[in-house]
Structure formats: structure tokens, C-alpha cells
N, C-alpha and C. Protein backbone atom coordinates (compact mmCIF):
# COMPACT_ATOMS: atom_id res chain seq x y z
N MET A 1 -13.89 -14.30 1.19
CA MET A 1 -12.62 -14.00 0.43
C MET A 1 -12.87 -14.60 -1.02
N SER A 2 -13.35 -13.70 -1.93
CA SER A 2 -13.04 -14.69 -3.11
C SER A 2 -11.92 -14.53 -3.62
N GLU A 3 -11.13 -15.36 -3.76
CA GLU A 3 -9.95 -15.56 -5.25
C GLU A 3 -9.42 -15.03 -6.55
N LYS A 4 -10.98 -14.21 -6.22
CA LYS A 4 -10.69 -13.28 -8.04
C LYS A 4 -11.00 -12.37 -7.82
N VAL A 5 -9.81 -11.12 -8.21
CA VAL A 5 -10.61 -9.63 -7.26
C VAL A 5 -10.02 -9.20 -9.01
N ILE A 6 -10.90 -7.68 -9.22
CA ILE A 6 -10.46 -6.53 -10.46
C ILE A 6 -10.13 -6.04 -9.26
N LEU A 7 -9.67 -4.72 -9.74
CA LEU A 7 -8.97 -3.31 -8.99
C LEU A 7 -9.00 -2.25 -10.09
N CYS A 8 -9.65 -1.21 -9.21
CA CYS A 8 -10.45 -0.22 -10.14
C CYS A 8 -9.81 0.68 -9.44
N VAL A 9 -9.39 1.60 -10.08
CA VAL A 9 -7.53 2.86 -10.01
C VAL A 9 -8.25 4.24 -10.78
N ASP A 10 -8.74 5.13 -9.54
CA ASP A 10 -8.95 6.43 -10.32
C ASP A 10 -8.84 7.74 -9.13
N ASP A 11 -8.72 8.38 -9.32
CA ASP A 11 -8.71 10.08 -8.13
C ASP A 11 -10.06 10.20 -7.55
N GLU A 12 -11.08 9.89 -8.42
CA GLU A 12 -12.62 10.53 -8.65
C GLU A 12 -13.62 9.04 -7.70
N GLU A 13 -13.44 10.00 -6.77
CA GLU A 13 -14.30 8.44 -5.42
C GLU A 13 -16.22 8.35 -6.66
N ILE A 14 -16.69 9.42 -7.04
CA ILE A 14 -17.96 8.71 -7.74
C ILE A 14 -17.59 8.63 -9.37
N VAL A 15 -16.69 7.63 -9.58
CA VAL A 15 -16.44 7.37 -10.88
C VAL A 15 -15.81 5.54 -10.03
N LEU A 16 -14.93 5.91 -9.05
CA LEU A 16 -14.86 4.28 -8.32
C LEU A 16 -16.15 3.55 -7.72
N ASN A 17 -17.04 4.73 -7.07
CA ASN A 17 -18.71 4.12 -6.70
C ASN A 17 -19.12 2.82 -7.92
N SER A 18 -19.13 4.43 -9.71
CA SER A 18 -19.95 3.52 -10.24
C SER A 18 -19.30 2.04 -11.31
N LEU A 19 -17.95 2.20 -10.89
CA LEU A 19 -17.05 1.14 -11.60
C LEU A 19 -17.53 -0.38 -10.43
N ARG A 20 -17.06 -0.13 -9.30
CA ARG A 20 -17.19 -0.97 -8.28
C ARG A 20 -19.20 -1.79 -8.61
N GLU A 21 -20.38 -0.58 -8.93
CA GLU A 21 -21.29 -1.34 -9.05
C GLU A 21 -21.60 -1.90 -10.47
N GLN A 22 -21.00 -1.05 -11.20
CA GLN A 22 -21.31 -1.71 -12.48
C GLN A 22 -20.67 -3.51 -12.38
N ILE A 23 -19.01 -3.58 -12.14
CA ILE A 23 -18.46 -4.64 -11.79
C ILE A 23 -18.95 -5.65 -11.52
N CYS A 24 -19.82 -5.21 -9.98
CA CYS A 24 -20.43 -6.24 -8.55
C CYS A 24 -21.86 -6.77 -9.34
N ASP A 25 -22.47 -5.66 -10.39
CA ASP A 25 -23.65 -6.18 -10.42
C ASP A 25 -23.48 -7.92 -11.90
N HIS A 26 -22.22 -7.66 -12.94
CA HIS A 26 -22.09 -8.43 -13.96
C HIS A 26 -20.90 -9.14 -13.57
N PHE A 27 -19.85 -9.12 -12.48
CA PHE A 27 -19.65 -10.06 -11.95
C PHE A 27 -19.12 -10.85 -10.55
N GLU A 28 -20.40 -11.49 -10.49
CA GLU A 28 -20.40 -12.22 -8.54
C GLU A 28 -19.59 -12.47 -8.43
N ASP A 29 -18.68 -13.77 -9.06
CA ASP A 29 -17.55 -14.43 -8.31
C ASP A 29 -16.74 -14.15 -8.06
N TYR A 30 -16.50 -12.15 -8.77
CA TYR A 30 -14.93 -11.59 -8.31
C TYR A 30 -15.47 -10.95 -7.50
N GLN A 31 -14.33 -10.49 -6.33
CA GLN A 31 -14.24 -9.46 -5.52
C GLN A 31 -13.70 -8.04 -6.36
N CYS A 32 -14.01 -6.92 -6.26
CA CYS A 32 -14.45 -5.46 -6.65
C CYS A 32 -13.34 -4.90 -5.72
N GLU A 33 -12.23 -4.44 -5.66
CA GLU A 33 -11.28 -3.64 -4.99
C GLU A 33 -11.14 -2.40 -5.50
N VAL A 34 -11.39 -1.33 -5.10
CA VAL A 34 -10.83 -0.39 -5.65
C VAL A 34 -9.96 0.58 -4.57
N ALA A 35 -9.11 1.75 -5.05
CA ALA A 35 -8.06 2.15 -4.75
C ALA A 35 -7.95 4.14 -5.81
N GLU A 36 -8.14 4.42 -4.93
CA GLU A 36 -8.00 6.35 -5.16
C GLU A 36 -6.45 6.81 -6.21
N SER A 37 -5.36 5.58 -5.58
CA SER A 37 -4.47 6.23 -6.92
C SER A 37 -3.43 4.78 -6.87
N ALA A 38 -2.16 5.51 -7.27
CA ALA A 38 -1.33 4.26 -7.75
C ALA A 38 -0.53 3.96 -6.11
N GLN A 39 -0.36 4.60 -5.50
CA GLN A 39 0.43 4.10 -4.65
C GLN A 39 -0.42 2.95 -3.30
N GLU A 40 -2.33 3.70 -3.70
CA GLU A 40 -2.59 2.77 -2.71
C GLU A 40 -2.87 1.97 -3.25
N ALA A 41 -3.29 1.87 -5.16
CA ALA A 41 -3.07 0.46 -5.35
C ALA A 41 -2.57 -0.78 -5.14
N TRP A 42 -1.22 -0.20 -4.95
CA TRP A 42 0.08 -0.87 -4.89
C TRP A 42 -0.41 -1.91 -3.59
N GLU A 43 -0.63 -1.26 -2.44
CA GLU A 43 -1.01 -1.11 -0.75
C GLU A 43 -1.75 -2.67 -1.18
N VAL A 44 -3.08 -2.37 -2.34
CA VAL A 44 -4.31 -3.08 -2.59
C VAL A 44 -3.28 -4.34 -2.88
N ILE A 45 -2.44 -4.44 -4.18
CA ILE A 45 -2.41 -5.26 -4.84
C ILE A 45 -1.20 -6.39 -3.86
N ASP A 46 -0.20 -5.48 -3.25
CA ASP A 46 0.37 -6.38 -1.99
C ASP A 46 -0.28 -6.44 -0.89
N GLU A 47 -1.16 -6.17 0.15
CA GLU A 47 -2.34 -7.08 0.58
C GLU A 47 -2.56 -8.37 0.00
N LEU A 48 -3.54 -7.95 -1.12
CA LEU A 48 -4.51 -9.21 -1.18
C LEU A 48 -2.84 -10.82 -1.49
N PHE A 49 -1.79 -10.18 -2.17
CA PHE A 49 -0.57 -10.87 -2.54
C PHE A 49 -0.54 -11.35 -1.52
N ASP A 50 -0.27 -11.25 -0.39
CA ASP A 50 0.23 -11.49 0.95
C ASP A 50 -0.57 -12.97 1.10
N GLU A 51 -1.85 -12.40 1.04
CA GLU A 51 -2.85 -13.39 1.25
C GLU A 51 -3.22 -14.90 0.20
N GLY A 52 -2.50 -14.39 -0.69
CA GLY A 52 -2.57 -15.47 -1.34
C GLY A 52 -3.28 -14.90 -2.67
N VAL A 53 -4.03 -14.20 -2.83
CA VAL A 53 -4.86 -13.67 -3.64
C VAL A 53 -4.62 -13.20 -4.75
N ASN A 54 -4.81 -13.52 -6.27
CA ASN A 54 -4.34 -12.76 -6.80
C ASN A 54 -5.12 -11.55 -7.55
N VAL A 55 -4.49 -10.48 -8.18
CA VAL A 55 -5.40 -9.48 -9.08
C VAL A 55 -5.53 -10.40 -10.34
N LEU A 56 -6.72 -10.44 -10.89
CA LEU A 56 -6.81 -10.81 -12.36
C LEU A 56 -6.59 -9.31 -13.20
N VAL A 57 -7.42 -8.84 -12.90
CA VAL A 57 -7.63 -7.38 -13.80
C VAL A 57 -7.79 -6.28 -13.20
N ILE A 58 -7.30 -5.40 -13.87
CA ILE A 58 -6.61 -3.79 -13.10
C ILE A 58 -7.62 -2.30 -14.14
N VAL A 59 -8.11 -1.99 -13.97
CA VAL A 59 -9.02 -1.24 -15.07
C VAL A 59 -8.20 0.38 -13.94
N SER A 60 -7.29 1.39 -14.23
CA SER A 60 -6.98 2.44 -13.97
C SER A 60 -7.49 3.64 -14.63
N ASP A 61 -7.17 4.73 -14.63
CA ASP A 61 -7.75 5.82 -14.92
C ASP A 61 -5.84 6.57 -15.63
N TRP A 62 -6.13 7.27 -15.95
CA TRP A 62 -4.60 7.46 -16.59
C TRP A 62 -4.36 8.98 -16.09
N LEU A 63 -4.66 10.18 -15.54
CA LEU A 63 -4.70 11.33 -15.29
C LEU A 63 -5.07 11.27 -13.83
N MET A 64 -4.01 10.24 -12.78
CA MET A 64 -4.21 11.03 -11.44
C MET A 64 -2.89 11.61 -10.68
N PRO A 65 -3.06 12.18 -9.40
CA PRO A 65 -1.97 13.02 -8.76
C PRO A 65 -0.41 11.86 -8.14
N GLY A 66 0.03 11.98 -8.26
CA GLY A 66 1.29 11.29 -7.95
C GLY A 66 2.05 10.12 -9.17
N MET A 67 1.52 9.41 -9.57
CA MET A 67 2.24 8.74 -10.93
C MET A 67 0.94 8.57 -11.71
N LYS A 68 0.93 8.73 -12.96
CA LYS A 68 -0.22 8.26 -14.07
C LYS A 68 -0.50 7.51 -14.55
N GLY A 69 -1.38 6.71 -14.84
CA GLY A 69 -2.28 5.07 -14.84
C GLY A 69 -1.16 4.59 -15.94
N ASP A 70 -0.48 4.85 -16.61
CA ASP A 70 0.68 4.34 -17.92
C ASP A 70 1.57 4.34 -16.79
N GLU A 71 2.06 4.47 -16.31
CA GLU A 71 3.66 4.47 -15.50
C GLU A 71 2.93 3.18 -14.36
N PHE A 72 1.57 3.75 -13.89
CA PHE A 72 1.62 2.47 -13.25
C PHE A 72 1.62 1.00 -13.26
N LEU A 73 0.87 0.99 -14.66
CA LEU A 73 0.31 -0.12 -15.26
C LEU A 73 1.91 -1.12 -15.82
N VAL A 74 2.93 0.21 -16.27
CA VAL A 74 4.26 -0.25 -16.50
C VAL A 74 4.87 -0.98 -15.95
N GLU A 75 5.08 -0.73 -14.76
CA GLU A 75 6.12 -1.34 -13.38
C GLU A 75 4.86 -2.21 -12.80
N VAL A 76 3.51 -1.93 -12.76
CA VAL A 76 2.21 -3.27 -12.38
C VAL A 76 2.90 -4.63 -12.92
N HIS A 77 3.25 -4.01 -14.36
CA HIS A 77 3.51 -5.36 -15.34
C HIS A 77 4.88 -5.67 -15.15
N LYS A 78 5.64 -5.14 -14.99
CA LYS A 78 6.47 -6.19 -14.44
C LYS A 78 7.16 -6.80 -12.78
N LYS A 79 6.05 -6.63 -12.41
CA LYS A 79 5.61 -7.55 -11.03
C LYS A 79 4.68 -8.64 -11.43
N PHE A 80 3.71 -7.97 -12.12
CA PHE A 80 2.71 -9.06 -12.57
C PHE A 80 2.14 -9.31 -14.05
N PRO A 81 3.41 -9.28 -14.75
CA PRO A 81 2.96 -9.78 -16.51
C PRO A 81 1.60 -10.46 -16.57
N LYS A 82 0.97 -10.80 -16.09
CA LYS A 82 -0.40 -11.41 -16.07
C LYS A 82 -1.83 -11.43 -15.99
N ILE A 83 -1.47 -10.05 -15.19
CA ILE A 83 -2.76 -8.84 -14.75
C ILE A 83 -3.22 -8.53 -15.97
N ILE A 84 -4.60 -8.78 -16.49
CA ILE A 84 -5.14 -7.53 -17.63
C ILE A 84 -5.09 -6.30 -17.18
N LYS A 85 -4.84 -5.57 -18.35
CA LYS A 85 -4.50 -3.60 -17.87
C LYS A 85 -5.68 -3.28 -18.66
N VAL A 86 -6.54 -2.40 -18.36
CA VAL A 86 -6.79 -1.93 -18.83
C VAL A 86 -6.99 -0.37 -18.72
N ILE A 87 -7.15 0.71 -19.43
CA ILE A 87 -7.31 2.06 -19.03
C ILE A 87 -8.57 2.71 -19.86
N LEU A 88 -9.05 3.43 -18.57
CA LEU A 88 -9.93 4.27 -18.63
C LEU A 88 -9.97 5.78 -17.90
N THR A 89 -10.31 6.27 -18.97
CA THR A 89 -9.38 7.65 -19.29
C THR A 89 -10.51 8.67 -20.20
N GLY A 90 -10.61 10.35 -19.86
CA GLY A 90 -11.02 11.10 -20.73
C GLY A 90 -9.80 11.54 -21.54
N GLN A 91 -8.66 11.31 -20.84
CA GLN A 91 -7.45 12.92 -20.85
C GLN A 91 -6.55 12.24 -21.35
N ALA A 92 -6.09 10.97 -22.05
CA ALA A 92 -5.01 9.95 -22.14
C ALA A 92 -4.30 10.66 -23.20
N ASP A 93 -2.51 10.85 -23.25
CA ASP A 93 -2.51 11.33 -24.77
C ASP A 93 -2.39 9.98 -25.58
N GLU A 94 -1.98 10.01 -26.85
CA GLU A 94 -1.48 8.92 -27.29
C GLU A 94 -0.63 8.04 -27.63
N GLU A 95 0.37 9.37 -26.78
CA GLU A 95 2.15 8.32 -26.33
C GLU A 95 2.13 7.84 -25.24
N ALA A 96 1.37 7.93 -24.26
CA ALA A 96 0.89 7.65 -23.12
C ALA A 96 0.29 6.27 -23.68
N ILE A 97 -1.02 6.07 -23.99
CA ILE A 97 -1.03 4.97 -24.38
C ILE A 97 -0.55 4.07 -25.55
N LYS A 98 0.16 4.63 -26.45
CA LYS A 98 1.02 3.76 -27.12
C LYS A 98 2.23 2.96 -26.11
N ARG A 99 2.84 3.83 -24.58
CA ARG A 99 3.49 3.57 -24.17
C ARG A 99 2.94 2.15 -23.32
N ALA A 100 2.13 2.33 -22.45
CA ALA A 100 1.30 1.25 -22.20
C ALA A 100 1.06 -0.08 -23.29
N LYS A 101 0.59 0.15 -23.99
CA LYS A 101 0.57 -1.42 -25.37
C LYS A 101 1.87 -1.34 -25.09
N GLU A 102 3.19 -0.71 -25.50
CA GLU A 102 4.10 -1.58 -25.31
C GLU A 102 5.10 -2.01 -24.61
N GLU A 103 4.99 -1.21 -23.22
CA GLU A 103 5.82 -2.11 -22.60
C GLU A 103 4.81 -2.29 -21.09
N ALA A 104 3.00 -2.12 -20.98
CA ALA A 104 2.80 -2.57 -20.11
C ALA A 104 1.35 -3.48 -20.34
N ASN A 105 1.92 -4.11 -21.97
CA ASN A 105 0.91 -5.19 -22.35
C ASN A 105 -0.57 -4.82 -22.11
N LEU A 106 -0.67 -3.53 -22.61
CA LEU A 106 -2.57 -2.67 -22.26
C LEU A 106 -3.54 -4.03 -22.99
N TYR A 107 -4.20 -4.21 -22.74
CA TYR A 107 -4.99 -4.84 -23.14
C TYR A 107 -6.24 -3.53 -24.14
N SER A 108 -6.23 -2.91 -23.10
CA SER A 108 -7.63 -2.17 -23.97
C SER A 108 -7.39 -0.87 -23.59
N CYS A 109 -7.92 0.30 -24.24
CA CYS A 109 -8.13 1.53 -23.64
C CYS A 109 -9.49 2.22 -23.98
N LEU A 110 -10.22 2.23 -23.01
CA LEU A 110 -11.92 2.93 -22.89
C LEU A 110 -11.77 4.34 -22.50
N ARG A 111 -12.32 5.30 -23.34
CA ARG A 111 -12.71 6.39 -22.76
C ARG A 111 -13.84 6.84 -22.17
N LYS A 112 -13.20 8.00 -21.46
CA LYS A 112 -14.77 8.39 -20.20
C LYS A 112 -15.15 10.03 -21.03
N PRO A 113 -16.84 9.68 -20.77
CA PRO A 113 -17.60 8.55 -20.31
C PRO A 113 -17.93 7.44 -21.03
N TRP A 114 -17.82 6.31 -20.09
CA TRP A 114 -18.07 4.81 -20.68
C TRP A 114 -19.31 4.40 -20.66
N HIS A 115 -19.48 3.25 -21.68
CA HIS A 115 -20.89 2.47 -21.26
C HIS A 115 -20.85 0.97 -20.79
N VAL A 116 -21.27 1.10 -19.87
CA VAL A 116 -21.40 0.02 -19.24
C VAL A 116 -20.68 -1.52 -19.92
N GLU A 117 -21.13 -1.44 -20.91
CA GLU A 117 -21.87 -2.92 -22.05
C GLU A 117 -20.33 -2.93 -22.54
N ASP A 118 -19.69 -1.86 -22.70
CA ASP A 118 -17.89 -2.00 -23.26
C ASP A 118 -16.98 -2.00 -21.77
N LEU A 119 -17.48 -1.47 -20.87
CA LEU A 119 -16.64 -2.04 -19.56
C LEU A 119 -16.77 -3.56 -19.12
N ILE A 120 -17.88 -4.08 -19.55
CA ILE A 120 -18.25 -5.32 -18.73
C ILE A 120 -18.05 -6.54 -20.22
N LYS A 121 -18.03 -5.82 -21.13
CA LYS A 121 -17.60 -6.76 -22.24
C LYS A 121 -15.84 -6.65 -23.41
N THR A 122 -15.67 -5.76 -22.54
CA THR A 122 -13.64 -5.50 -22.24
C THR A 122 -12.93 -6.44 -21.38
N ILE A 123 -13.79 -6.03 -20.17
CA ILE A 123 -13.03 -7.31 -19.00
C ILE A 123 -13.38 -8.47 -19.13
N HIS A 124 -14.60 -9.21 -20.05
CA HIS A 124 -14.74 -10.61 -19.59
C HIS A 124 -13.84 -11.38 -21.09
N SER A 125 -13.56 -9.88 -22.06
CA SER A 125 -13.14 -10.62 -23.40
C SER A 125 -11.28 -10.68 -22.77
N GLY A 126 -10.97 -9.70 -21.52
CA GLY A 126 -9.75 -9.88 -21.13
C GLY A 126 -9.41 -10.93 -20.23
N LEU A 127 -10.49 -11.84 -19.52
CA LEU A 127 -10.22 -12.86 -18.48
C LEU A 127 -10.56 -13.86 -19.06
N ASN A 128 -10.63 -14.23 -20.36
CA ASN A 128 -10.77 -15.10 -21.60
C ASN A 128 -9.78 -15.41 -22.30
N SER A 129 -9.13 -14.22 -22.77
CA SER A 129 -7.69 -14.15 -23.15
C SER A 129 -6.66 -14.77 -22.32
N ARG A 130 -6.70 -15.25 -20.71
CA ARG A 130 -5.73 -15.51 -19.94
C ARG A 130 -5.45 -16.83 -20.00
């Protein structure tokens, strides 16, 4: 198992499948994990952490059932401040993005539909900023 993980969180399976494919194609040395909610994402993060594997990047949707992406990323930042956090959304309000920047050290916000080049460039740039 790769020691380097990129986690994608979105409540739409088709989006997760696209993200996984695009990320796997461009980041061959990384493992790409997916979760359909913030709760499921925490389960993945905790399981990986217990195995000694760190999540390096989280790409999260904003509008999800249960917990919105900005709230999730703020909570992640409290426990894992070094994770690079990216919101990928078609619906986030500006206040939520501002909050994520201030309280979660949000690295970037990409809008749906996204261009694969922008996604890959953002992840590369985030990883290089660590």
C-alpha cells in the first residue's frame, strides 16, 4: 500500500469515479481513496492513520448531506493541519469558502465542472507547498 494518499469526498458516485480516474492517471505513486460523506471520510482517515498512513491531500465537495465541506475541512484542519485541503464544488457560497480559507487553511477552491488540468495542477502545487 502506498504511504501517500489523496482522499476525494463527494456524495455523487459519478464525480468520485471521475476524480479517482483522473488522479490515478496523474499520480501513480499515490493511493486515491474516496468517501461519499464527511462521516465516511473520517472513517477512512482514521483507518489510514491507524495503519501509519497519512492523507496528504483532501479534495472535498461543499454541498453534502450531514456536514458541508467547509465544516468538514475545518474539523480536519484541527486534527491534521498539514493536510492540503481543496474544495471542488458547483454550489459553495462565498462565506463558506472564506470560512474554509480562514479556519481550515483552504489551499484552493475549484468549481464544477472542473478541468482535469486545473485539478492536477492544483494538487501538484499543493503537494509542492508542503
